[in-house]
């Protein structure tokens, strides 16, 4: 009987340690990796869209022409550049890498990155549909 109790206690301790490790070690690391990938993806897509818009506007002298939703190419480019300066900074990337993967700042950063990715996708889709000959 004592052997059975000892065995059950060891199994319970093992699962407790495993649960702790998963919740407080592995899960935050997975979250940090996800956020870092989201950040890198946003930065890459931002640069790609910025390059496409600048190239088109420069080639067609369209900086003051309507792009979408009442804004011009110039306004859109300035907004994307401002986002790059404020959101897609090296300081934010370092904060992600140093963080535990949780916290109000990191959650806010994730929300901003997701929102930015959505807007970049909308702009890219609009640009490719109406202005690009690809």
N, C-alpha and C. Protein backbone atom coordinates (compact mmCIF):
# COMPACT_ATOMS: atom_id res chain seq x y z
N UNK A 1 0.82 -1.19 0.00
CA UNK A 1 0.00 0.00 0.00
C UNK A 1 0.88 1.26 0.00
N UNK A 2 1.93 1.26 0.81
CA UNK A 2 2.82 2.41 0.85
C UNK A 2 3.52 2.61 -0.49
N UNK A 3 3.83 1.54 -1.17
CA UNK A 3 4.47 1.63 -2.49
C UNK A 3 3.51 2.28 -3.49
N UNK A 4 2.25 1.91 -3.43
CA UNK A 4 1.24 2.48 -4.33
C UNK A 4 1.09 3.98 -4.08
N UNK A 5 1.03 4.39 -2.81
CA UNK A 5 0.91 5.81 -2.47
C UNK A 5 2.14 6.57 -2.93
N UNK A 6 3.32 6.01 -2.73
CA UNK A 6 4.55 6.63 -3.19
C UNK A 6 4.57 6.77 -4.70
N UNK A 7 4.13 5.74 -5.41
CA UNK A 7 4.09 5.75 -6.87
C UNK A 7 3.13 6.82 -7.38
N UNK A 8 1.94 6.90 -6.78
CA UNK A 8 0.94 7.90 -7.18
C UNK A 8 1.47 9.30 -6.88
N UNK A 9 2.14 9.48 -5.75
CA UNK A 9 2.72 10.77 -5.39
C UNK A 9 3.78 11.20 -6.40
N UNK A 10 4.63 10.26 -6.81
CA UNK A 10 5.66 10.57 -7.80
C UNK A 10 5.05 10.94 -9.14
N UNK A 11 4.01 10.22 -9.54
CA UNK A 11 3.34 10.55 -10.82
C UNK A 11 2.70 11.92 -10.73
N UNK A 12 2.04 12.23 -9.62
CA UNK A 12 1.41 13.54 -9.44
C UNK A 12 2.48 14.65 -9.46
N UNK A 13 3.60 14.42 -8.81
CA UNK A 13 4.69 15.41 -8.80
C UNK A 13 5.23 15.61 -10.21
N UNK A 14 5.39 14.53 -10.95
CA UNK A 14 5.87 14.61 -12.32
C UNK A 14 4.94 15.45 -13.18
N UNK A 15 3.63 15.19 -13.09
CA UNK A 15 2.67 15.96 -13.87
C UNK A 15 2.61 17.41 -13.42
N UNK A 16 2.80 17.65 -12.13
CA UNK A 16 2.85 19.02 -11.63
C UNK A 16 4.03 19.79 -12.21
N UNK A 17 5.19 19.15 -12.21
CA UNK A 17 6.38 19.78 -12.79
C UNK A 17 6.21 20.00 -14.29
N UNK A 18 5.65 19.02 -14.96
CA UNK A 18 5.41 19.14 -16.40
C UNK A 18 4.45 20.28 -16.72
N UNK A 19 3.39 20.40 -15.93
CA UNK A 19 2.43 21.48 -16.13
C UNK A 19 3.08 22.84 -15.88
N UNK A 20 3.86 22.94 -14.81
CA UNK A 20 4.57 24.18 -14.51
C UNK A 20 5.50 24.56 -15.66
N UNK A 21 6.27 23.60 -16.13
CA UNK A 21 7.22 23.85 -17.21
C UNK A 21 6.49 24.33 -18.47
N UNK A 22 5.39 23.66 -18.79
CA UNK A 22 4.66 24.03 -19.99
C UNK A 22 4.05 25.43 -19.87
N UNK A 23 3.46 25.74 -18.72
CA UNK A 23 2.77 27.01 -18.54
C UNK A 23 3.73 28.18 -18.38
N UNK A 24 4.82 28.01 -17.66
CA UNK A 24 5.68 29.14 -17.31
C UNK A 24 7.02 29.17 -18.02
N UNK A 25 7.36 28.13 -18.77
CA UNK A 25 8.62 28.11 -19.50
C UNK A 25 8.37 28.02 -20.99
N UNK A 26 7.70 26.98 -21.43
CA UNK A 26 7.53 26.76 -22.85
C UNK A 26 6.53 27.71 -23.50
N UNK A 27 5.39 27.91 -22.89
CA UNK A 27 4.36 28.76 -23.47
C UNK A 27 4.85 30.20 -23.69
N UNK A 28 5.51 30.83 -22.71
CA UNK A 28 6.05 32.17 -22.97
C UNK A 28 7.08 32.19 -24.09
N UNK A 29 7.91 31.17 -24.20
CA UNK A 29 8.89 31.12 -25.28
C UNK A 29 8.20 31.01 -26.64
N UNK A 30 7.15 30.20 -26.72
CA UNK A 30 6.38 30.09 -27.95
C UNK A 30 5.72 31.41 -28.31
N UNK A 31 5.21 32.10 -27.30
CA UNK A 31 4.57 33.40 -27.52
C UNK A 31 5.59 34.41 -28.01
N UNK A 32 6.77 34.44 -27.40
CA UNK A 32 7.82 35.36 -27.85
C UNK A 32 8.22 35.08 -29.29
N UNK A 33 8.34 33.82 -29.63
CA UNK A 33 8.69 33.45 -31.00
C UNK A 33 7.61 33.91 -31.97
N UNK A 34 6.35 33.70 -31.61
CA UNK A 34 5.22 34.13 -32.45
C UNK A 34 5.24 35.64 -32.64
N UNK A 35 5.44 36.38 -31.55
CA UNK A 35 5.44 37.85 -31.65
C UNK A 35 6.61 38.32 -32.50
N UNK A 36 7.77 37.73 -32.33
CA UNK A 36 8.93 38.11 -33.12
C UNK A 36 8.69 37.84 -34.61
N UNK A 37 8.07 36.70 -34.92
CA UNK A 37 7.76 36.40 -36.32
C UNK A 37 6.72 37.36 -36.86
N UNK A 38 5.72 37.69 -36.07
CA UNK A 38 4.70 38.66 -36.47
C UNK A 38 5.35 40.02 -36.74
N UNK A 39 6.27 40.41 -35.89
CA UNK A 39 6.97 41.68 -36.04
C UNK A 39 7.80 41.69 -37.32
N UNK A 40 8.57 40.64 -37.54
CA UNK A 40 9.42 40.57 -38.74
C UNK A 40 8.57 40.55 -40.01
N UNK A 41 7.47 39.83 -39.97
CA UNK A 41 6.55 39.79 -41.12
C UNK A 41 5.97 41.16 -41.40
N UNK A 42 5.55 41.85 -40.34
CA UNK A 42 4.98 43.20 -40.50
C UNK A 42 6.02 44.15 -41.08
N UNK A 43 7.23 44.05 -40.61
CA UNK A 43 8.30 44.94 -41.10
C UNK A 43 8.59 44.68 -42.59
N UNK A 44 8.64 43.41 -42.95
CA UNK A 44 8.92 43.05 -44.34
C UNK A 44 7.79 43.51 -45.27
N UNK A 45 6.54 43.25 -44.87
CA UNK A 45 5.39 43.65 -45.69
C UNK A 45 5.29 45.16 -45.78
N UNK A 46 5.62 45.85 -44.70
CA UNK A 46 5.59 47.31 -44.67
C UNK A 46 6.57 47.87 -45.69
N UNK A 47 7.80 47.36 -45.67
CA UNK A 47 8.82 47.81 -46.62
C UNK A 47 8.42 47.51 -48.06
N UNK A 48 7.85 46.33 -48.28
CA UNK A 48 7.42 45.94 -49.62
C UNK A 48 6.35 46.89 -50.14
N UNK A 49 5.33 47.16 -49.32
CA UNK A 49 4.26 48.07 -49.75
C UNK A 49 4.80 49.47 -49.96
N UNK A 50 5.63 49.93 -49.07
CA UNK A 50 6.21 51.26 -49.20
C UNK A 50 6.99 51.38 -50.51
N UNK A 51 7.77 50.37 -50.83
CA UNK A 51 8.52 50.38 -52.08
C UNK A 51 7.62 50.39 -53.30
N UNK A 52 6.58 49.57 -53.28
CA UNK A 52 5.65 49.51 -54.41
C UNK A 52 4.93 50.84 -54.61
N UNK A 53 4.46 51.43 -53.52
CA UNK A 53 3.75 52.71 -53.63
C UNK A 53 4.67 53.82 -54.12
N UNK A 54 5.87 53.89 -53.56
CA UNK A 54 6.83 54.92 -54.00
C UNK A 54 7.21 54.73 -55.46
N UNK A 55 7.44 53.50 -55.86
CA UNK A 55 7.82 53.22 -57.24
C UNK A 55 6.71 53.64 -58.20
N UNK A 56 5.48 53.25 -57.89
CA UNK A 56 4.35 53.59 -58.77
C UNK A 56 4.13 55.11 -58.80
N UNK A 57 4.09 55.73 -57.62
CA UNK A 57 3.82 57.17 -57.56
C UNK A 57 4.91 57.97 -58.25
N UNK A 58 6.13 57.54 -58.12
CA UNK A 58 7.24 58.23 -58.77
C UNK A 58 7.18 58.06 -60.29
N UNK A 59 6.93 56.84 -60.74
CA UNK A 59 6.89 56.56 -62.18
C UNK A 59 5.72 57.24 -62.86
N UNK A 60 4.62 57.43 -62.14
CA UNK A 60 3.41 57.99 -62.74
C UNK A 60 3.07 59.39 -62.23
N UNK A 61 4.01 59.99 -61.50
CA UNK A 61 3.79 61.31 -60.92
C UNK A 61 2.42 61.36 -60.23
N UNK A 62 2.19 60.39 -59.36
CA UNK A 62 0.87 60.22 -58.75
C UNK A 62 0.86 60.45 -57.25
N UNK A 63 1.83 61.15 -56.72
CA UNK A 63 1.87 61.35 -55.26
C UNK A 63 0.62 62.07 -54.75
N UNK A 64 0.07 62.98 -55.54
CA UNK A 64 -1.11 63.74 -55.11
C UNK A 64 -2.41 63.15 -55.65
N UNK A 65 -2.33 62.00 -56.29
CA UNK A 65 -3.53 61.34 -56.82
C UNK A 65 -4.20 60.51 -55.73
N UNK A 66 -5.50 60.31 -55.89
CA UNK A 66 -6.28 59.51 -54.94
C UNK A 66 -5.79 58.07 -54.96
N UNK A 67 -5.57 57.51 -53.78
CA UNK A 67 -5.18 56.10 -53.67
C UNK A 67 -6.36 55.26 -53.21
N UNK A 68 -6.83 55.50 -52.00
CA UNK A 68 -7.99 54.77 -51.50
C UNK A 68 -8.59 55.49 -50.30
N UNK A 69 -9.86 55.35 -50.13
CA UNK A 69 -10.61 55.88 -48.99
C UNK A 69 -10.30 57.35 -48.70
N UNK A 70 -10.22 58.13 -49.74
CA UNK A 70 -10.04 59.57 -49.58
C UNK A 70 -8.63 60.03 -49.29
N UNK A 71 -7.66 59.18 -49.37
CA UNK A 71 -6.27 59.58 -49.13
C UNK A 71 -5.45 59.43 -50.41
N UNK A 72 -4.41 60.23 -50.49
CA UNK A 72 -3.55 60.20 -51.67
C UNK A 72 -2.41 59.21 -51.46
N UNK A 73 -1.67 58.99 -52.52
CA UNK A 73 -0.48 58.15 -52.41
C UNK A 73 0.48 58.73 -51.39
N UNK A 74 0.67 60.04 -51.43
CA UNK A 74 1.58 60.70 -50.51
C UNK A 74 1.15 60.51 -49.06
N UNK A 75 -0.15 60.69 -48.78
CA UNK A 75 -0.67 60.50 -47.42
C UNK A 75 -0.45 59.07 -46.96
N UNK A 76 -0.71 58.11 -47.83
CA UNK A 76 -0.55 56.70 -47.49
C UNK A 76 0.91 56.39 -47.20
N UNK A 77 1.80 56.88 -48.03
CA UNK A 77 3.23 56.65 -47.84
C UNK A 77 3.69 57.26 -46.52
N UNK A 78 3.23 58.47 -46.21
CA UNK A 78 3.61 59.12 -44.96
C UNK A 78 3.09 58.34 -43.76
N UNK A 79 1.88 57.82 -43.85
CA UNK A 79 1.31 57.03 -42.76
C UNK A 79 2.10 55.74 -42.53
N UNK A 80 2.47 55.08 -43.63
CA UNK A 80 3.25 53.85 -43.52
C UNK A 80 4.63 54.14 -42.93
N UNK A 81 5.25 55.23 -43.35
CA UNK A 81 6.56 55.61 -42.81
C UNK A 81 6.47 55.95 -41.32
N UNK A 82 5.39 56.63 -40.93
CA UNK A 82 5.21 56.96 -39.51
C UNK A 82 5.03 55.69 -38.68
N UNK A 83 4.27 54.75 -39.20
CA UNK A 83 4.09 53.48 -38.51
C UNK A 83 5.41 52.76 -38.35
N UNK A 84 6.22 52.81 -39.39
CA UNK A 84 7.53 52.17 -39.33
C UNK A 84 8.41 52.83 -38.26
N UNK A 85 8.35 54.14 -38.18
CA UNK A 85 9.15 54.87 -37.18
C UNK A 85 8.66 54.61 -35.76
N UNK A 86 7.35 54.45 -35.57
CA UNK A 86 6.79 54.36 -34.22
C UNK A 86 6.55 52.92 -33.75
N UNK A 87 6.16 52.04 -34.64
CA UNK A 87 5.79 50.68 -34.24
C UNK A 87 6.87 49.65 -34.55
N UNK A 88 7.43 49.74 -35.73
CA UNK A 88 8.37 48.71 -36.18
C UNK A 88 9.81 49.12 -35.89
N UNK A 89 10.05 49.47 -34.64
CA UNK A 89 11.37 49.94 -34.23
C UNK A 89 12.21 48.80 -33.66
N UNK A 90 13.48 49.03 -33.65
CA UNK A 90 14.41 48.06 -33.06
C UNK A 90 14.17 47.95 -31.56
N UNK A 91 13.77 49.05 -30.92
CA UNK A 91 13.47 49.02 -29.48
C UNK A 91 12.31 48.07 -29.18
N UNK A 92 11.27 48.10 -30.01
CA UNK A 92 10.13 47.19 -29.81
C UNK A 92 10.55 45.74 -30.03
N UNK A 93 11.38 45.51 -31.02
CA UNK A 93 11.85 44.15 -31.26
C UNK A 93 12.68 43.65 -30.08
N UNK A 94 13.54 44.50 -29.54
CA UNK A 94 14.32 44.12 -28.37
C UNK A 94 13.42 43.88 -27.15
N UNK A 95 12.37 44.69 -27.01
CA UNK A 95 11.43 44.49 -25.90
C UNK A 95 10.74 43.14 -26.02
N UNK A 96 10.42 42.74 -27.25
CA UNK A 96 9.81 41.43 -27.48
C UNK A 96 10.78 40.34 -27.08
N UNK A 97 12.01 40.45 -27.51
CA UNK A 97 13.00 39.41 -27.24
C UNK A 97 13.34 39.30 -25.74
N UNK A 98 13.25 40.41 -25.02
CA UNK A 98 13.59 40.40 -23.60
C UNK A 98 12.39 40.08 -22.72
N UNK A 99 11.20 40.13 -23.28
CA UNK A 99 9.99 39.96 -22.47
C UNK A 99 9.76 38.51 -22.10
N UNK A 100 8.81 38.34 -21.21
CA UNK A 100 8.40 36.99 -20.82
C UNK A 100 7.33 36.46 -21.76
N UNK A 101 6.92 37.26 -22.72
CA UNK A 101 5.88 36.84 -23.65
C UNK A 101 4.49 37.19 -23.18
N UNK A 102 4.40 37.82 -22.03
CA UNK A 102 3.11 38.23 -21.49
C UNK A 102 3.23 39.66 -20.99
N UNK A 103 2.12 40.22 -20.61
CA UNK A 103 2.12 41.58 -20.07
C UNK A 103 1.32 42.52 -20.94
N UNK A 104 0.92 43.61 -20.34
CA UNK A 104 0.05 44.58 -21.03
C UNK A 104 0.76 45.19 -22.24
N UNK A 105 2.04 45.52 -22.11
CA UNK A 105 2.79 46.13 -23.22
C UNK A 105 2.88 45.16 -24.40
N UNK A 106 3.18 43.91 -24.13
CA UNK A 106 3.32 42.91 -25.19
C UNK A 106 1.97 42.64 -25.85
N UNK A 107 0.91 42.53 -25.05
CA UNK A 107 -0.43 42.32 -25.62
C UNK A 107 -0.83 43.49 -26.50
N UNK A 108 -0.52 44.70 -26.06
CA UNK A 108 -0.81 45.89 -26.86
C UNK A 108 -0.01 45.88 -28.16
N UNK A 109 1.24 45.48 -28.07
CA UNK A 109 2.09 45.40 -29.26
C UNK A 109 1.55 44.37 -30.25
N UNK A 110 1.10 43.23 -29.74
CA UNK A 110 0.51 42.19 -30.61
C UNK A 110 -0.72 42.76 -31.31
N UNK A 111 -1.59 43.44 -30.57
CA UNK A 111 -2.80 44.02 -31.17
C UNK A 111 -2.45 45.03 -32.25
N UNK A 112 -1.47 45.89 -31.98
CA UNK A 112 -1.06 46.88 -32.97
C UNK A 112 -0.46 46.21 -34.21
N UNK A 113 0.34 45.18 -34.01
CA UNK A 113 0.94 44.48 -35.16
C UNK A 113 -0.13 43.81 -36.00
N UNK A 114 -1.11 43.17 -35.36
CA UNK A 114 -2.18 42.51 -36.11
C UNK A 114 -3.01 43.54 -36.88
N UNK A 115 -3.32 44.65 -36.24
CA UNK A 115 -4.09 45.70 -36.91
C UNK A 115 -3.30 46.27 -38.08
N UNK A 116 -2.02 46.50 -37.86
CA UNK A 116 -1.17 47.03 -38.93
C UNK A 116 -1.10 46.04 -40.10
N UNK A 117 -0.92 44.76 -39.80
CA UNK A 117 -0.88 43.75 -40.86
C UNK A 117 -2.17 43.73 -41.66
N UNK A 118 -3.29 43.89 -40.98
CA UNK A 118 -4.59 43.92 -41.66
C UNK A 118 -4.65 45.11 -42.62
N UNK A 119 -4.23 46.28 -42.16
CA UNK A 119 -4.28 47.48 -43.00
C UNK A 119 -3.30 47.39 -44.17
N UNK A 120 -2.12 46.84 -43.93
CA UNK A 120 -1.15 46.66 -45.02
C UNK A 120 -1.72 45.70 -46.07
N UNK A 121 -2.37 44.65 -45.62
CA UNK A 121 -3.00 43.71 -46.55
C UNK A 121 -4.07 44.39 -47.39
N UNK A 122 -4.88 45.22 -46.75
CA UNK A 122 -5.91 45.96 -47.48
C UNK A 122 -5.30 46.88 -48.52
N UNK A 123 -4.25 47.60 -48.14
CA UNK A 123 -3.58 48.52 -49.07
C UNK A 123 -2.94 47.75 -50.22
N UNK A 124 -2.27 46.64 -49.91
CA UNK A 124 -1.64 45.84 -50.96
C UNK A 124 -2.68 45.29 -51.92
N UNK A 125 -3.77 44.79 -51.40
CA UNK A 125 -4.83 44.25 -52.25
C UNK A 125 -5.39 45.35 -53.14
N UNK A 126 -5.69 46.50 -52.56
CA UNK A 126 -6.22 47.62 -53.33
C UNK A 126 -5.22 48.06 -54.41
N UNK A 127 -3.97 48.18 -54.02
CA UNK A 127 -2.95 48.61 -54.98
C UNK A 127 -2.82 47.63 -56.13
N UNK A 128 -2.72 46.35 -55.81
CA UNK A 128 -2.55 45.34 -56.86
C UNK A 128 -3.79 45.23 -57.75
N UNK A 129 -4.95 45.45 -57.20
CA UNK A 129 -6.18 45.33 -57.99
C UNK A 129 -6.36 46.53 -58.91
N UNK A 130 -6.11 47.76 -58.41
CA UNK A 130 -6.40 48.95 -59.19
C UNK A 130 -5.21 49.58 -59.89
N UNK A 131 -4.01 49.38 -59.42
CA UNK A 131 -2.88 50.13 -59.96
C UNK A 131 -1.76 49.28 -60.54
N UNK A 132 -1.63 48.07 -60.08
CA UNK A 132 -0.52 47.25 -60.51
C UNK A 132 -0.89 46.45 -61.77
N UNK A 133 0.08 46.26 -62.63
CA UNK A 133 -0.17 45.49 -63.86
C UNK A 133 0.31 44.05 -63.72
N UNK A 134 0.60 43.63 -62.48
CA UNK A 134 1.10 42.25 -62.24
C UNK A 134 0.00 41.25 -62.46
